[in-house]
Amino acid sequence: MVQVHPRPGAGDTVTSVTGDGPDTRAGRPDKGSRSKGLGGNSVGLLGSAVIGISTVAPVYCLTSTLGPTVGQVGVQMPAVFLAGFLPMLLVAFAYRELNKAVPDCGTSFTWTVQAFGPRVGWMCGWGLVIATIIVLSNLAGVATSFFYLLLGEITGSDAVAALDGNRPVHVATCLAFIAVATAISYRGMTATKGVQYALVALQLAVLAVFAVTALVKARSGDLPASIDFSWTWLDPFAVQSFAAFTAGLSLSIFMFWGWDACLTVNEETEGSAKTPGRAALLAMAVLVGSYLVTAIAAQMFAGVGEEGTGLGNPDTAGNVFAALADPVMGTALGVLLFVAVLASAAASLQTTFLPVARTVLAMSAYEALPPSFARIHPRFKSPGRATVAAGIATGVFYAAMSFLSENVLIDTIYALGLMICFYYSITAFACAWYFRGDLGRSARDALFKGVFPVLGGLLLAAVFCKTLYDMRDPSYGSGSSVLGVGSVFVIGVGLLLVGAVLMELMRRRSPAFFRGEVLTRSTPALVVEE
């Protein structure tokens, strides 16, 4: 049974449940993690970084984003990847500083409640949850598509590969993938960590082989479409227009999303106050390095033309690695790229359950959601009820969208960027406001707790506003519209409004939370014990 105990008020002595000792700072949550019954010390620095990398799904992101990015910015693709990395890095500093002060698995939800109050925090948590549900459904669909594509390659049967186009078969297989991922996540961090080491190692190894082979062949001079490397590829100011730059930047931001999964497992990580932040920065470094090397290698090998294997070819833009697998790596090794994409989607499908389940757990523990979601499995020490609920929501969402309309499913994925920028920017601003009293103490505090988070939040808020404006155009996304307004805009804004309605329902059910009596800056976090 889960019991929720109020912590002492401001100025009282607060004892850390992680053994870090008391914290008597008035009005500040103590630095000890507020245990909710999760399995502590289950993950180290490397394991936490692996979870962050896996959630991002680097191979999947590259195969689906290289082509569209080249279509927007041409040879400036590496520069746009760097530009997208900058706001994510700045926001990562905000997450690191907030995690040091409040290592809570609710992350964005918990921190924004303490900074800006219950309503802003609730909507921030909703943004994370709904973004994750959308990604989970998309990842399951991608895993299903590459599963049948890989089977077709192995068996040499076009009929097997064509099964992905059979809607009932596709959805049934997709639901099976979701069920397996849910079951693995349900069994806790130990099961999750073991699977992820192998899948992430496979992804990075295949990317390394692809990049080296592509560079060697491109420099041989035997390829008519290959182009020589130029340092101007790294100049974001060389992009032909601001509209093209923002479109490419939106794609780039999506490629880095997911690293914050390192922080959502903070209560299960060794050294919960510092290790998750370091793991997030380590994951970001690995991601930006692998993205740049792979992007440059692919661009040198294939060029940016719109025919054949050129990265600008619209016929292969959605799956660049499928077009480059045999030309770069040969028939035998080319299959490894299909395996890597499938492994990338499957690995991310599994780890992406971690942030949504733990955010729901925290919201429930602090009375922002029904208390049943705060139940912890006594054996696996995982948020079992929240994990299963996330799996069911993902399956229902994907099946409903698939049978409703292919265009609706595509537009829902396009709306994802709006949710990402929404909750990341709020969290970044929450950092500066939460630590506003510390900004004058030192240059380090001013930069990492104030300047960097605000700058990152402003950049993402600008992308949010520009994307919101562009989404109104019916040509955005699939090209469909509702009463003359783009479907992507309707879906994106509609999902946020659904969150507002649910928040109002929860306000009536749990008035104490929304009155600020449960979790505020001056009322430290709760202890949820078995």
Protein backbone atom coordinates (compact mmCIF):
# COMPACT_ATOMS: atom_id res chain seq x y z
CA MET A 1 0.00 0.00 0.00
CA VAL A 2 1.29 3.46 -0.87
CA GLN A 3 1.18 6.10 1.84
CA VAL A 4 1.83 9.78 1.19
CA HIS A 5 3.38 11.69 4.07
CA PRO A 6 3.61 15.48 4.06
CA ARG A 7 7.09 16.82 4.52
CA PRO A 8 7.81 19.43 7.19
CA GLY A 9 7.17 23.05 6.36
CA ALA A 10 9.62 25.78 5.55
CA GLY A 11 12.34 26.23 8.13
CA ASP A 12 11.88 22.78 9.66
CA THR A 13 14.58 20.14 9.55
CA VAL A 14 14.13 17.84 6.60
CA THR A 15 15.85 14.48 6.68
CA SER A 16 16.93 13.01 3.36
CA VAL A 17 15.63 9.53 2.66
CA THR A 18 18.77 8.75 0.67
CA GLY A 19 21.06 9.23 3.61
CA ASP A 20 22.47 12.60 2.55
CA GLY A 21 21.65 14.05 5.95
CA PRO A 22 19.33 16.84 7.02
CA ASP A 23 18.76 20.03 5.09
CA THR A 24 17.59 22.98 7.13
CA ARG A 25 17.47 25.59 4.36
CA ALA A 26 14.19 27.46 4.70
CA GLY A 27 11.97 27.32 1.70
CA ARG A 28 14.17 24.91 -0.26
CA PRO A 29 13.47 21.22 -0.90
CA ASP A 30 16.22 19.10 0.58
CA LYS A 31 18.70 17.59 -1.85
CA GLY A 32 17.79 14.03 -0.99
CA SER A 33 15.68 12.19 -3.56
CA ARG A 34 12.05 11.79 -2.51
CA SER A 35 11.78 8.03 -2.67
CA LYS A 36 8.55 6.66 -4.14
CA GLY A 37 9.42 3.01 -3.65
CA LEU A 38 11.46 2.68 -6.86
CA GLY A 39 14.53 0.42 -6.86
CA GLY A 40 17.40 2.66 -5.79
CA ASN A 41 20.99 2.37 -7.05
CA SER A 42 19.90 0.25 -10.01
CA VAL A 43 21.74 2.30 -12.65
CA GLY A 44 25.20 3.86 -12.83
CA LEU A 45 26.62 6.64 -15.01
CA LEU A 46 27.11 4.45 -18.09
CA GLY A 47 23.73 2.76 -17.76
CA SER A 48 21.97 6.11 -17.39
CA ALA A 49 23.75 7.52 -20.47
CA VAL A 50 22.84 4.39 -22.45
CA ILE A 51 19.17 4.90 -21.54
CA GLY A 52 19.37 8.49 -22.78
CA ILE A 53 21.00 7.47 -26.09
CA SER A 54 18.57 4.60 -26.59
CA THR A 55 15.52 6.80 -26.03
CA VAL A 56 16.70 9.20 -28.73
CA ALA A 57 17.08 6.25 -31.19
CA PRO A 58 20.01 7.66 -33.21
CA VAL A 59 19.90 5.23 -36.16
CA TYR A 60 16.16 5.64 -36.61
CA CYS A 61 16.44 9.44 -36.35
CA LEU A 62 19.20 9.55 -38.94
CA THR A 63 17.50 7.33 -41.51
CA SER A 64 14.26 9.31 -41.28
CA THR A 65 15.72 12.83 -40.96
CA LEU A 66 18.81 13.03 -43.21
CA GLY A 67 16.72 13.29 -46.37
CA PRO A 68 14.13 15.85 -45.18
CA THR A 69 16.87 18.03 -43.65
CA VAL A 70 18.86 18.06 -46.89
CA GLY A 71 15.63 18.90 -48.69
CA GLN A 72 15.33 22.02 -46.52
CA VAL A 73 18.93 23.24 -46.15
CA GLY A 74 21.04 21.33 -48.70
CA VAL A 75 24.71 20.87 -47.82
CA GLN A 76 24.23 22.91 -44.61
CA MET A 77 22.71 19.81 -42.97
CA PRO A 78 25.66 19.35 -40.53
CA ALA A 79 25.39 23.02 -39.53
CA VAL A 80 21.68 22.64 -38.77
CA PHE A 81 22.42 19.56 -36.65
CA LEU A 82 24.84 21.69 -34.62
CA ALA A 83 22.27 24.48 -34.36
CA GLY A 84 19.66 22.04 -33.05
CA PHE A 85 22.18 20.72 -30.53
CA LEU A 86 22.72 24.19 -28.99
CA PRO A 87 19.28 24.75 -27.38
CA MET A 88 19.21 21.13 -26.22
CA LEU A 89 22.60 21.57 -24.55
CA LEU A 90 21.47 24.76 -22.84
CA VAL A 91 18.31 23.06 -21.59
CA ALA A 92 20.38 20.08 -20.43
CA PHE A 93 22.28 22.45 -18.10
CA ALA A 94 18.92 23.50 -16.63
CA TYR A 95 17.95 19.87 -16.05
CA ARG A 96 21.31 19.17 -14.42
CA GLU A 97 21.02 22.06 -11.96
CA LEU A 98 17.41 21.30 -11.08
CA ASN A 99 18.22 17.63 -10.57
CA LYS A 100 20.99 18.54 -8.13
CA ALA A 101 18.47 20.44 -6.01
CA VAL A 102 15.46 18.13 -6.43
CA PRO A 103 16.34 14.66 -7.75
CA ASP A 104 12.74 13.63 -8.34
CA CYS A 105 11.50 11.26 -11.06
CA GLY A 106 8.76 13.77 -11.92
CA THR A 107 11.48 16.05 -13.41
CA SER A 108 9.74 18.71 -15.54
CA PHE A 109 6.43 18.32 -13.72
CA THR A 110 7.88 18.51 -10.22
CA TRP A 111 10.28 21.35 -10.96
CA THR A 112 7.80 23.58 -12.78
CA VAL A 113 5.22 23.09 -10.03
CA GLN A 114 7.77 24.31 -7.50
CA ALA A 115 8.79 27.23 -9.72
CA PHE A 116 5.53 28.39 -11.33
CA GLY A 117 2.74 26.69 -9.42
CA PRO A 118 0.40 23.69 -9.87
CA ARG A 119 -1.33 24.65 -13.13
CA VAL A 120 1.78 25.42 -15.16
CA GLY A 121 3.47 22.34 -13.72
CA TRP A 122 0.49 20.12 -14.54
CA MET A 123 0.42 21.30 -18.16
CA CYS A 124 4.18 20.83 -18.43
CA GLY A 125 3.80 17.26 -17.20
CA TRP A 126 0.96 16.74 -19.67
CA GLY A 127 3.17 17.99 -22.51
CA LEU A 128 5.79 15.39 -21.62
CA VAL A 129 3.25 12.59 -21.28
CA ILE A 130 1.40 13.25 -24.55
CA ALA A 131 4.65 13.79 -26.49
CA THR A 132 5.90 10.45 -25.22
CA ILE A 133 2.67 8.65 -26.14
CA ILE A 134 2.95 10.03 -29.69
CA VAL A 135 6.59 8.94 -29.95
CA LEU A 136 5.86 5.49 -28.54
CA SER A 137 3.17 4.91 -31.15
CA ASN A 138 5.44 6.16 -33.91
CA LEU A 139 8.34 3.99 -32.76
CA ALA A 140 6.11 0.93 -32.67
CA GLY A 141 5.00 1.67 -36.23
CA VAL A 142 8.61 2.11 -37.41
CA ALA A 143 9.70 -1.10 -35.69
CA THR A 144 6.87 -2.95 -37.40
CA SER A 145 7.74 -1.56 -40.83
CA PHE A 146 11.42 -2.45 -40.54
CA PHE A 147 10.56 -5.85 -39.11
CA TYR A 148 8.75 -6.83 -42.30
CA LEU A 149 11.32 -5.05 -44.48
CA LEU A 150 14.09 -7.04 -42.81
CA LEU A 151 12.15 -10.29 -43.18
CA GLY A 152 11.67 -9.49 -46.85
CA GLU A 153 15.41 -8.90 -47.28
CA ILE A 154 16.33 -12.12 -45.49
CA THR A 155 13.78 -14.32 -47.28
CA GLY A 156 14.01 -12.52 -50.62
CA SER A 157 10.21 -12.40 -50.68
CA ASP A 158 8.40 -9.26 -51.78
CA ALA A 159 5.18 -10.75 -50.43
CA VAL A 160 6.63 -10.85 -46.91
CA ALA A 161 7.88 -7.27 -47.15
CA ALA A 162 4.45 -6.21 -48.45
CA LEU A 163 2.75 -7.43 -45.26
CA ASP A 164 3.58 -4.06 -43.73
CA GLY A 165 1.11 -2.51 -46.14
CA ASN A 166 -1.70 -4.71 -44.82
CA ARG A 167 -3.32 -2.46 -42.23
CA PRO A 168 -4.74 -5.16 -39.89
CA VAL A 169 -1.45 -7.11 -39.96
CA HIS A 170 0.57 -3.95 -39.41
CA VAL A 171 -1.52 -2.79 -36.44
CA ALA A 172 -1.58 -6.29 -34.86
CA THR A 173 2.22 -6.54 -35.12
CA CYS A 174 2.57 -3.03 -33.78
CA LEU A 175 0.45 -3.88 -30.75
CA ALA A 176 2.62 -6.96 -30.16
CA PHE A 177 5.76 -4.79 -30.11
CA ILE A 178 4.10 -2.41 -27.65
CA ALA A 179 3.09 -5.32 -25.41
CA VAL A 180 6.64 -6.73 -25.36
CA ALA A 181 8.17 -3.31 -24.61
CA THR A 182 5.62 -2.74 -21.85
CA ALA A 183 6.42 -6.12 -20.29
CA ILE A 184 10.17 -5.43 -20.27
CA SER A 185 9.73 -1.97 -18.75
CA TYR A 186 7.30 -3.42 -16.21
CA ARG A 187 10.06 -5.67 -14.90
CA GLY A 188 12.08 -2.68 -13.77
CA MET A 189 15.44 -1.08 -14.43
CA THR A 190 17.51 -4.27 -14.21
CA ALA A 191 15.75 -5.86 -17.17
CA THR A 192 15.73 -2.58 -19.11
CA LYS A 193 19.44 -1.92 -18.60
CA GLY A 194 20.60 -5.34 -19.78
CA VAL A 195 18.71 -5.16 -23.08
CA GLN A 196 19.81 -1.59 -23.76
CA TYR A 197 23.55 -2.19 -23.52
CA ALA A 198 23.39 -4.67 -26.40
CA LEU A 199 21.02 -2.66 -28.60
CA VAL A 200 22.85 0.66 -28.20
CA ALA A 201 26.24 -0.97 -28.80
CA LEU A 202 24.86 -2.51 -32.00
CA GLN A 203 23.56 0.86 -33.22
CA LEU A 204 26.79 2.74 -32.61
CA ALA A 205 28.93 -0.03 -34.10
CA VAL A 206 26.88 -0.17 -37.32
CA LEU A 207 26.94 3.63 -37.61
CA ALA A 208 30.72 3.57 -37.24
CA VAL A 209 31.09 0.92 -39.98
CA PHE A 210 28.73 2.85 -42.26
CA ALA A 211 30.52 6.18 -41.75
CA VAL A 212 34.03 4.78 -42.26
CA THR A 213 33.02 2.83 -45.38
CA ALA A 214 31.18 5.81 -46.86
CA LEU A 215 34.14 8.14 -46.26
CA VAL A 216 36.62 5.70 -47.80
CA LYS A 217 34.49 5.18 -50.90
CA ALA A 218 33.73 8.90 -51.25
CA ARG A 219 37.43 9.80 -51.16
CA SER A 220 38.29 7.16 -53.76
CA GLY A 221 36.90 9.39 -56.51
CA ASP A 222 35.02 6.56 -58.21
CA LEU A 223 31.53 7.84 -57.39
CA PRO A 224 29.98 10.37 -59.79
CA ALA A 225 27.58 11.77 -57.17
CA SER A 226 30.10 12.13 -54.34
CA ILE A 227 31.22 15.60 -53.20
CA ASP A 228 34.26 16.86 -51.31
CA PHE A 229 33.99 18.01 -47.73
CA SER A 230 33.88 21.76 -47.09
CA TRP A 231 34.06 23.61 -43.79
CA THR A 232 31.19 25.80 -45.03
CA TRP A 233 28.91 22.82 -44.34
CA LEU A 234 29.23 23.77 -40.66
CA ASP A 235 28.15 27.40 -41.20
CA PRO A 236 24.47 27.87 -40.25
CA PHE A 237 24.46 31.39 -41.72
CA ALA A 238 24.97 29.92 -45.19
CA VAL A 239 21.42 28.49 -45.23
CA GLN A 240 19.52 30.09 -48.10
CA SER A 241 16.56 31.44 -46.08
CA PHE A 242 15.31 31.82 -42.52
CA ALA A 243 12.22 29.71 -43.30
CA ALA A 244 14.44 26.86 -44.51
CA PHE A 245 16.63 27.22 -41.44
CA THR A 246 13.72 27.02 -38.97
CA ALA A 247 12.26 24.02 -40.82
CA GLY A 248 15.59 22.23 -40.63
CA LEU A 249 16.05 23.30 -37.01
CA SER A 250 12.70 21.76 -36.06
CA LEU A 251 13.83 18.45 -37.55
CA SER A 252 17.16 18.72 -35.75
CA ILE A 253 15.53 19.36 -32.37
CA PHE A 254 13.43 16.23 -32.84
CA MET A 255 16.64 14.25 -33.44
CA PHE A 256 17.98 15.14 -30.00
CA TRP A 257 14.74 14.72 -28.06
CA GLY A 258 14.72 11.97 -25.43
CA TRP A 259 18.00 12.52 -23.60
CA ASP A 260 16.03 13.65 -20.52
CA ALA A 261 15.12 9.99 -19.89
CA CYS A 262 18.41 9.97 -17.95
CA LEU A 263 16.82 12.32 -15.43
CA THR A 264 13.50 10.50 -15.05
CA VAL A 265 15.33 7.47 -13.63
CA ASN A 266 17.22 9.66 -11.14
CA GLU A 267 15.66 8.01 -8.09
CA GLU A 268 16.95 4.66 -9.38
CA THR A 269 20.45 5.96 -10.19
CA GLU A 270 23.59 5.79 -8.06
CA GLY A 271 24.34 9.32 -6.92
CA SER A 272 20.91 10.62 -7.84
CA ALA A 273 21.83 14.29 -7.39
CA LYS A 274 24.78 14.38 -9.83
CA THR A 275 24.98 11.22 -11.94
CA PRO A 276 21.81 11.78 -14.07
CA GLY A 277 22.94 15.27 -15.12
CA ARG A 278 26.37 14.00 -16.08
CA ALA A 279 24.80 11.09 -17.97
CA ALA A 280 22.58 13.50 -19.93
CA LEU A 281 25.58 15.56 -21.03
CA LEU A 282 27.51 12.38 -21.93
CA ALA A 283 24.57 11.12 -24.00
CA MET A 284 24.34 14.48 -25.78
CA ALA A 285 28.05 14.39 -26.63
CA VAL A 286 27.78 10.88 -28.10
CA LEU A 287 24.70 11.84 -30.09
CA VAL A 288 26.06 15.04 -31.63
CA GLY A 289 29.33 13.29 -32.49
CA SER A 290 27.65 10.34 -34.18
CA TYR A 291 25.19 12.61 -36.01
CA LEU A 292 27.88 14.88 -37.42
CA VAL A 293 30.18 12.07 -38.54
CA THR A 294 27.35 10.09 -40.15
CA ALA A 295 25.82 13.16 -41.81
CA ILE A 296 29.14 14.28 -43.30
CA ALA A 297 29.99 10.75 -44.47
CA ALA A 298 26.58 10.22 -46.09
CA GLN A 299 26.69 13.65 -47.74
CA MET A 300 30.17 13.08 -49.14
CA PHE A 301 29.20 9.65 -50.48
CA ALA A 302 25.76 10.37 -51.96
CA GLY A 303 25.73 14.12 -52.50
CA VAL A 304 22.56 16.19 -52.16
CA GLY A 305 21.04 15.50 -55.56
CA GLU A 306 17.40 14.64 -56.12
CA GLU A 307 17.99 11.48 -58.14
CA GLY A 308 19.34 8.01 -57.41
CA THR A 309 21.01 7.72 -54.01
CA GLY A 310 21.24 11.51 -53.58
CA LEU A 311 20.13 12.60 -50.12
CA GLY A 312 17.73 15.10 -51.71
CA ASN A 313 15.78 12.39 -53.52
CA PRO A 314 12.19 12.69 -52.24
CA ASP A 315 11.52 9.02 -53.02
CA THR A 316 14.08 7.87 -50.45
CA ALA A 317 13.90 10.78 -47.98
CA GLY A 318 11.88 8.83 -45.40
CA ASN A 319 14.39 5.99 -45.23
CA VAL A 320 17.85 7.04 -46.40
CA PHE A 321 19.64 4.00 -45.02
CA ALA A 322 17.43 1.66 -47.06
CA ALA A 323 18.71 3.41 -50.20
CA LEU A 324 22.35 3.58 -49.09
CA ALA A 325 22.72 0.18 -47.41
CA ASP A 326 23.86 -1.83 -50.43
CA PRO A 327 25.82 0.96 -52.23
CA VAL A 328 27.82 1.78 -49.10
CA MET A 329 28.19 -1.52 -47.25
CA GLY A 330 27.42 -4.15 -49.89
CA THR A 331 24.68 -6.76 -49.87
CA ALA A 332 26.09 -8.82 -46.99
CA LEU A 333 26.79 -5.99 -44.54
CA GLY A 334 23.92 -3.85 -45.81
CA VAL A 335 21.46 -6.03 -43.94
CA LEU A 336 23.12 -4.81 -40.75
CA LEU A 337 21.71 -1.35 -41.39
CA PHE A 338 18.18 -2.75 -41.48
CA VAL A 339 18.92 -4.65 -38.28
CA ALA A 340 20.31 -1.48 -36.68
CA VAL A 341 17.24 0.59 -37.57
CA LEU A 342 14.95 -2.11 -36.20
CA ALA A 343 17.09 -2.36 -33.05
CA SER A 344 17.06 1.44 -32.71
CA ALA A 345 13.28 1.67 -32.89
CA ALA A 346 12.78 -1.35 -30.62
CA ALA A 347 15.28 -0.10 -28.02
CA SER A 348 13.76 3.37 -27.96
CA LEU A 349 10.26 1.89 -27.75
CA GLN A 350 11.30 0.14 -24.56
CA THR A 351 13.17 2.99 -22.85
CA THR A 352 10.63 5.65 -23.82
CA PHE A 353 8.22 3.98 -21.40
CA LEU A 354 10.53 5.08 -18.57
CA PRO A 355 9.88 8.86 -18.63
CA VAL A 356 6.13 8.63 -19.18
CA ALA A 357 5.61 6.01 -16.46
CA ARG A 358 7.71 7.88 -13.93
CA THR A 359 6.14 11.24 -14.71
CA VAL A 360 2.69 9.70 -14.20
CA LEU A 361 3.97 8.08 -10.99
CA ALA A 362 5.16 11.45 -9.65
CA MET A 363 1.97 13.26 -10.67
CA SER A 364 -0.03 10.59 -8.89
CA ALA A 365 2.19 10.67 -5.79
CA TYR A 366 1.69 14.42 -5.51
CA GLU A 367 -2.10 14.07 -5.98
CA ALA A 368 -2.14 15.59 -9.47
CA LEU A 369 -3.47 12.29 -10.90
CA PRO A 370 -5.50 9.44 -9.37
CA PRO A 371 -3.55 7.71 -6.56
CA SER A 372 -3.69 4.26 -8.17
CA PHE A 373 -0.90 5.23 -10.60
CA ALA A 374 1.50 5.64 -7.66
CA ARG A 375 1.53 1.91 -6.92
CA ILE A 376 4.96 0.29 -7.10
CA HIS A 377 5.40 -3.38 -7.95
CA PRO A 378 6.71 -5.02 -4.76
CA ARG A 379 9.15 -7.30 -6.61
CA PHE A 380 10.34 -5.28 -9.60
CA LYS A 381 10.27 -1.89 -7.82
CA SER A 382 8.81 -0.30 -10.94
CA PRO A 383 5.69 1.86 -11.45
CA GLY A 384 3.72 -1.12 -12.75
CA ARG A 385 0.29 0.49 -12.96
CA ALA A 386 1.64 3.60 -14.71
CA THR A 387 3.69 1.50 -17.16
CA VAL A 388 0.73 -0.66 -18.14
CA ALA A 389 -1.47 2.43 -18.50
CA ALA A 390 1.11 4.00 -20.82
CA GLY A 391 1.23 0.81 -22.90
CA ILE A 392 -2.55 0.65 -23.22
CA ALA A 393 -2.77 4.35 -24.11
CA THR A 394 -0.09 3.92 -26.78
CA GLY A 395 -1.78 0.90 -28.33
CA VAL A 396 -5.21 2.51 -28.38
CA PHE A 397 -3.85 5.77 -29.77
CA TYR A 398 -1.93 4.11 -32.61
CA ALA A 399 -4.72 1.71 -33.56
CA ALA A 400 -7.35 4.44 -33.54
CA MET A 401 -5.24 6.84 -35.58
CA SER A 402 -4.23 4.13 -38.05
CA PHE A 403 -7.76 3.06 -38.85
CA LEU A 404 -9.12 6.60 -38.70
CA SER A 405 -6.81 7.99 -41.37
CA GLU A 406 -3.20 7.66 -42.47
CA ASN A 407 -3.12 11.45 -42.78
CA VAL A 408 -4.22 11.90 -39.16
CA LEU A 409 -1.41 9.62 -37.97
CA ILE A 410 1.18 11.54 -40.01
CA ASP A 411 -0.10 14.90 -38.80
CA THR A 412 -0.03 13.73 -35.20
CA ILE A 413 3.66 12.93 -35.59
CA TYR A 414 4.26 16.38 -37.10
CA ALA A 415 2.60 17.91 -34.03
CA LEU A 416 5.18 16.22 -31.82
CA GLY A 417 7.71 19.04 -32.20
CA LEU A 418 5.21 21.46 -30.66
CA MET A 419 4.96 19.34 -27.49
CA ILE A 420 8.74 18.94 -27.23
CA CYS A 421 9.42 22.68 -27.41
CA PHE A 422 6.49 23.33 -25.04
CA TYR A 423 7.68 21.37 -22.02
CA TYR A 424 11.43 21.81 -22.58
CA SER A 425 11.13 25.61 -22.73
CA ILE A 426 8.93 25.76 -19.61
CA THR A 427 11.43 23.62 -17.71
CA ALA A 428 14.31 25.85 -18.80
CA PHE A 429 12.51 28.98 -17.60
CA ALA A 430 11.59 27.18 -14.37
CA CYS A 431 15.29 26.65 -13.66
CA ALA A 432 16.11 30.35 -13.85
CA TRP A 433 13.09 31.29 -11.71
CA TYR A 434 13.68 28.55 -9.15
CA PHE A 435 17.30 29.62 -8.65
CA ARG A 436 16.69 33.36 -8.99
CA GLY A 437 18.04 33.94 -5.49
CA ASP A 438 21.31 32.16 -6.34
CA LEU A 439 22.19 33.99 -9.56
CA GLY A 440 24.25 36.68 -7.85
CA ARG A 441 26.35 34.27 -5.80
CA SER A 442 28.91 33.41 -8.48
CA ALA A 443 29.59 33.57 -12.21
CA ARG A 444 28.95 29.84 -12.43
CA ASP A 445 25.51 30.13 -10.85
CA ALA A 446 24.65 33.05 -13.09
CA LEU A 447 25.57 31.12 -16.25
CA PHE A 448 24.37 27.59 -15.54
CA LYS A 449 21.29 28.45 -13.47
CA GLY A 450 20.26 31.61 -15.27
CA VAL A 451 21.78 32.67 -18.59
CA PHE A 452 22.09 29.28 -20.29
CA PRO A 453 18.62 27.99 -19.29
CA VAL A 454 16.90 31.25 -20.29
CA LEU A 455 18.71 31.34 -23.63
CA GLY A 456 17.78 27.70 -24.31
CA GLY A 457 14.20 28.34 -23.27
CA LEU A 458 13.93 31.39 -25.53
CA LEU A 459 15.30 29.49 -28.52
CA LEU A 460 12.83 26.64 -28.04
CA ALA A 461 9.97 29.06 -27.35
CA ALA A 462 10.78 30.81 -30.63
CA VAL A 463 10.68 27.49 -32.47
CA PHE A 464 7.37 26.70 -30.72
CA CYS A 465 5.80 29.99 -31.86
CA LYS A 466 7.14 29.73 -35.41
CA THR A 467 5.98 26.11 -35.69
CA LEU A 468 2.56 27.04 -34.30
CA TYR A 469 2.25 29.77 -36.91
CA ASP A 470 3.38 27.52 -39.78
CA MET A 471 1.02 24.73 -38.70
CA ARG A 472 -2.00 26.85 -39.55
CA ASP A 473 -1.19 26.42 -43.25
CA PRO A 474 -3.11 23.40 -44.66
CA SER A 475 -0.03 22.46 -46.69
CA TYR A 476 1.89 21.74 -43.48
CA GLY A 477 2.25 17.99 -42.83
CA SER A 478 -0.02 15.75 -44.89
CA GLY A 479 -1.77 18.70 -46.54
CA SER A 480 -5.16 18.05 -44.95
CA SER A 481 -7.20 20.72 -43.17
CA VAL A 482 -10.18 21.31 -40.89
CA LEU A 483 -12.34 24.32 -41.78
CA GLY A 484 -9.42 25.79 -43.70
CA VAL A 485 -6.93 25.36 -40.84
CA GLY A 486 -4.07 22.86 -41.11
CA SER A 487 -4.75 19.51 -39.45
CA VAL A 488 -1.39 19.60 -37.68
CA PHE A 489 -2.39 22.86 -35.95
CA VAL A 490 -5.77 21.42 -34.97
CA ILE A 491 -4.17 18.27 -33.54
CA GLY A 492 -1.33 20.08 -31.73
CA VAL A 493 -3.53 22.73 -30.13
CA GLY A 494 -6.29 20.17 -29.57
CA LEU A 495 -3.99 17.91 -27.54
CA LEU A 496 -2.97 20.84 -25.33
CA LEU A 497 -6.64 21.74 -24.82
CA VAL A 498 -7.40 18.12 -23.86
CA GLY A 499 -4.73 18.51 -21.19
CA ALA A 500 -6.38 21.69 -19.93
CA VAL A 501 -9.74 19.90 -19.67
CA LEU A 502 -8.21 16.97 -17.78
CA MET A 503 -6.44 19.40 -15.47
CA GLU A 504 -9.76 21.03 -14.64
CA LEU A 505 -11.29 17.63 -13.85
CA MET A 506 -8.38 16.79 -11.58
CA ARG A 507 -8.69 20.19 -9.89
CA ARG A 508 -12.16 19.21 -8.76
CA ARG A 509 -10.99 15.79 -7.63
CA SER A 510 -7.74 16.91 -5.91
CA PRO A 511 -8.21 20.54 -4.85
CA ALA A 512 -5.34 20.40 -2.33
CA PHE A 513 -2.72 20.01 -5.05
CA PHE A 514 -4.09 22.90 -7.08
CA ARG A 515 -4.30 25.10 -3.99
CA GLY A 516 -0.54 24.62 -3.59
CA GLU A 517 -0.83 22.62 -0.38
CA VAL A 518 0.99 19.50 -1.62
CA LEU A 519 4.06 20.51 -3.61
CA THR A 520 5.50 24.03 -3.70
CA ARG A 521 8.88 25.62 -3.28
CA SER A 522 8.14 26.35 0.37
CA THR A 523 6.53 22.96 0.92
CA PRO A 524 9.22 20.37 0.13
CA ALA A 525 8.42 17.20 -1.73
CA LEU A 526 6.56 14.22 -0.37
CA VAL A 527 7.87 10.88 0.70
CA VAL A 528 5.95 7.99 -0.82
CA GLU A 529 6.76 4.77 0.96
CA GLU A 530 5.76 1.14 0.60
